Every structure is written in structure tokens, then in C-alpha cells.
Protein backbone atom coordinates (compact mmCIF):
# COMPACT_ATOMS: atom_id res chain seq x y z
CA MET A 1 -32.20 -14.49 -13.63
CA SER A 2 -28.78 -13.16 -12.70
CA ILE A 3 -25.71 -13.41 -14.89
CA PRO A 4 -22.79 -15.23 -13.23
CA PRO A 5 -19.90 -12.92 -12.45
CA THR A 6 -16.87 -12.97 -14.72
CA ILE A 7 -13.63 -13.60 -12.87
CA ASP A 8 -10.33 -12.66 -14.49
CA GLY A 9 -6.71 -12.49 -13.45
CA ALA A 10 -5.64 -8.99 -12.46
CA SER A 11 -3.11 -7.10 -14.51
CA HIS A 12 -0.44 -4.81 -13.12
CA GLU A 13 -2.68 -1.90 -14.18
CA ASP A 14 -5.40 -3.00 -11.71
CA PHE A 15 -3.44 -2.38 -8.52
CA LEU A 16 -4.81 1.11 -7.76
CA ALA A 17 -8.44 0.01 -8.25
CA ILE A 18 -7.89 -3.02 -6.00
CA ALA A 19 -6.25 -0.86 -3.32
CA LYS A 20 -9.26 1.50 -3.54
CA LEU A 21 -11.63 -1.44 -3.00
CA ASP A 22 -9.49 -2.61 -0.06
CA ARG A 23 -10.02 0.75 1.67
CA ILE A 24 -13.84 0.47 1.57
CA ALA A 25 -14.53 -3.27 1.71
CA TRP A 26 -13.95 -3.56 5.45
CA LEU A 27 -15.73 -0.47 6.78
CA HIS A 28 -18.68 -2.58 7.93
CA THR A 29 -16.55 -4.23 10.62
CA GLY A 30 -16.42 -1.11 12.75
CA GLU A 31 -12.77 -1.86 13.48
CA GLN A 32 -9.88 0.44 12.75
CA PHE A 33 -8.74 -1.44 9.66
CA ILE A 34 -5.38 -0.96 7.99
CA PRO A 35 -5.74 -1.76 4.27
CA ASP A 36 -2.86 -3.13 2.26
CA GLY A 37 -1.00 -0.35 0.46
CA GLU A 38 -0.83 0.38 -3.24
CA HIS A 39 2.78 -0.79 -3.35
CA VAL A 40 1.99 -4.32 -2.20
CA TRP A 41 -1.05 -4.59 -4.48
CA ARG A 42 1.26 -3.70 -7.39
CA VAL A 43 3.66 -6.50 -6.41
CA TRP A 44 0.81 -8.99 -5.91
CA CYS A 45 -0.76 -8.12 -9.27
CA GLU A 46 2.54 -9.05 -10.90
CA HIS A 47 3.72 -11.98 -8.75
CA ALA A 48 0.77 -13.59 -6.93
CA THR A 49 -2.62 -14.98 -7.86
CA VAL A 50 -4.91 -11.95 -7.91
CA LEU A 51 -8.40 -12.53 -9.24
CA VAL A 52 -10.87 -9.73 -9.87
CA CYS A 53 -14.49 -9.26 -10.80
CA ARG A 54 -15.36 -6.12 -12.72
CA GLY A 55 -18.79 -4.60 -12.38
CA THR A 56 -21.46 -5.29 -14.93
CA ALA A 57 -23.31 -2.52 -16.73
CA ALA A 58 -26.23 -2.86 -14.28
CA SER A 59 -24.24 -2.93 -11.05
CA ASN A 60 -21.33 -0.74 -12.03
CA PRO A 61 -21.49 1.27 -15.25
CA THR A 62 -17.85 2.35 -14.97
CA GLY A 63 -16.56 -1.23 -15.00
CA ASP A 64 -14.64 -0.73 -11.76
CA ILE A 65 -13.35 -3.73 -9.88
CA VAL A 66 -16.07 -4.81 -7.44
CA ALA A 67 -14.31 -7.82 -5.91
CA ALA A 68 -10.80 -9.21 -5.57
CA LEU A 69 -8.89 -12.12 -4.09
CA VAL A 70 -5.16 -12.53 -3.49
CA MET A 71 -3.36 -15.82 -2.84
CA PHE A 72 0.38 -16.51 -2.76
CA PRO A 73 2.85 -19.28 -1.82
CA THR A 74 4.31 -19.54 1.68
CA ARG A 75 7.62 -20.87 2.99
CA GLU A 76 5.78 -23.99 4.19
CA ALA A 77 4.80 -25.06 0.64
CA THR A 78 1.19 -24.02 1.13
CA LEU A 79 -0.77 -21.23 -0.50
CA PHE A 80 -2.01 -18.40 1.68
CA LEU A 81 -5.35 -16.90 0.77
CA HIS A 82 -4.64 -13.47 2.18
CA LYS A 83 -7.77 -11.60 1.27
CA ILE A 84 -11.10 -11.94 -0.47
CA MET A 85 -13.20 -8.79 -0.64
CA VAL A 86 -16.45 -7.74 -2.29
CA HIS A 87 -17.72 -4.18 -2.62
CA PRO A 88 -20.58 -3.59 -0.14
CA ALA A 89 -22.96 -2.60 -2.96
CA VAL A 90 -22.77 -6.02 -4.61
CA ARG A 91 -22.46 -8.40 -1.65
CA GLY A 92 -24.78 -11.39 -1.54
CA GLY A 93 -24.79 -11.96 -5.29
CA GLY A 94 -22.38 -14.90 -5.42
CA ILE A 95 -19.25 -12.97 -6.37
CA GLY A 96 -17.28 -14.13 -3.31
CA THR A 97 -18.27 -17.73 -4.04
CA ALA A 98 -17.18 -17.37 -7.67
CA LEU A 99 -13.82 -15.93 -6.59
CA MET A 100 -13.26 -18.81 -4.16
CA ARG A 101 -14.24 -21.44 -6.71
CA GLN A 102 -11.82 -20.01 -9.27
CA ALA A 103 -8.94 -19.64 -6.79
CA LEU A 104 -9.32 -23.12 -5.35
CA SER A 105 -9.56 -24.66 -8.81
CA GLN A 106 -6.09 -23.19 -9.49
CA ALA A 107 -4.60 -24.32 -6.15
CA THR A 108 -1.68 -26.72 -6.50
CA ALA A 109 -0.99 -27.03 -2.76
CA PRO A 110 -2.98 -26.87 0.48
CA VAL A 111 -4.50 -23.43 1.05
CA LEU A 112 -4.57 -21.73 4.41
CA LEU A 113 -6.25 -18.55 5.56
CA THR A 114 -7.13 -16.67 8.70
CA VAL A 115 -10.60 -15.39 9.49
CA ASP A 116 -12.31 -13.55 12.31
CA PRO A 117 -14.27 -16.30 14.11
CA THR A 118 -17.18 -13.87 14.61
CA ASN A 119 -17.51 -13.30 10.84
CA ALA A 120 -20.17 -15.97 10.39
CA ALA A 121 -20.66 -15.32 6.65
CA ALA A 122 -16.95 -15.78 5.90
CA VAL A 123 -16.59 -18.84 8.13
CA ARG A 124 -19.67 -20.36 6.44
CA LEU A 125 -18.23 -19.63 2.97
CA TYR A 126 -14.91 -21.28 3.85
CA THR A 127 -16.59 -24.26 5.52
CA ASN A 128 -18.79 -24.75 2.45
CA PHE A 129 -15.59 -24.99 0.42
CA ARG A 130 -14.29 -27.68 2.80
CA PHE A 131 -11.85 -25.55 4.74
CA THR A 132 -11.38 -27.02 8.19
CA GLU A 133 -10.35 -25.27 11.37
CA HIS A 134 -6.65 -25.85 11.94
CA GLN A 135 -6.06 -23.53 14.91
CA HIS A 136 -7.80 -20.82 16.96
CA ILE A 137 -5.39 -18.06 17.88
CA ARG A 138 -6.41 -15.55 20.53
CA GLY A 139 -5.14 -11.99 20.10
CA TYR A 140 -3.80 -12.63 16.60
CA TYR A 141 -3.54 -8.96 15.60
CA ARG A 142 -4.56 -7.09 18.74
CA PRO A 143 -5.67 -8.48 22.13
CA HIS A 144 -9.35 -8.46 21.09
CA GLU A 145 -8.82 -9.79 17.54
CA ASP A 146 -8.88 -13.56 17.46
CA ARG A 147 -8.39 -15.54 14.26
CA LEU A 148 -9.22 -19.00 13.06
CA VAL A 149 -6.56 -20.54 10.87
CA MET A 150 -8.38 -22.70 8.33
CA MET A 151 -6.92 -25.17 5.83
CA PHE A 152 -8.12 -26.52 2.48
CA ASP A 153 -6.60 -29.67 1.01
CA ALA A 154 -6.17 -28.91 -2.70
CA GLY A 155 -6.27 -32.62 -3.49
CA SER A 156 -9.81 -32.98 -2.10
CA GLY A 157 -11.51 -30.72 -4.68
CA SER A 158 -14.10 -28.04 -3.97
């Protein structure tokens, strides 16, 4: 029997640990990934919705942050779910689902996100939370990096 992960709001003191996680969470993609810098994580920890999951004694004896999510308002009166990331050592244990559930339960406006359409696990997670495809943009970042723009209606529940 596994213990459900505990999700908390990040404090301004968490920004370096979250930035550290951001540098390793995407290595599996094989792409040259540019993580968000420490400076922006500091701002987000103070002014955006940043949720974190700290490791348990079994999975992470140091209590480091093993997962994080950041969501913030946009000019269009929506919320943008910019990033959800889980440390490779603890993937598959429901932490990403718990982060999404908590974030969407706090959403007061429609939530939009972008996702690599070839990332089947992420697309499946978002679809399971009733995100719908809003737009497919070819070459979103670089010519070979397409993105799906997906939308969640906060009024529909999760």
C-alpha cells in the first residue's frame, strides 16, 4: 500500500530546489532543453501558484522536492499551467496526478497548457483531467517541436 503524496504550496525558499529539479526532469526527452532559471522560479514561488511534493523518507531521505507545478494568470483571463515535472526516480507513483488534481481544484478560470503531442503520457494525463485540444501548432519552439494547446474549463470540475 502506497502513501498518497503530500502536496504543498511552495515558499520563496524553495526556488533553488525547484530550479534544480527543472534541470533534471526533462533529460529523458533527448532534446536540448533550456530549463527556467533560478530568478524566474523565485518570482513564481512568490507570485504564482507553485505546488511541490517533497520526498518521503523511503523515496527521498533528504526531503528534497521531487515534483513541482507552476500555474499563473494570463492577459486573456485564463490560467496558464506552464510546467508540471516529476523527478525521474519517482515517476509512475501518482505524484503528477496529485499535483494536477490540487492545481485544478484551485483554478478559478479556464486553464490552458501546451504539450508535446508525442508525449503520450502527458497527453493522456491531461485528457484524463478533461483538457481538450484547442489548437495544434507546428514548429512552436523550433521547426521540429510541435505543441498541442489544451484547455480545461474550471467550471466543469476534474
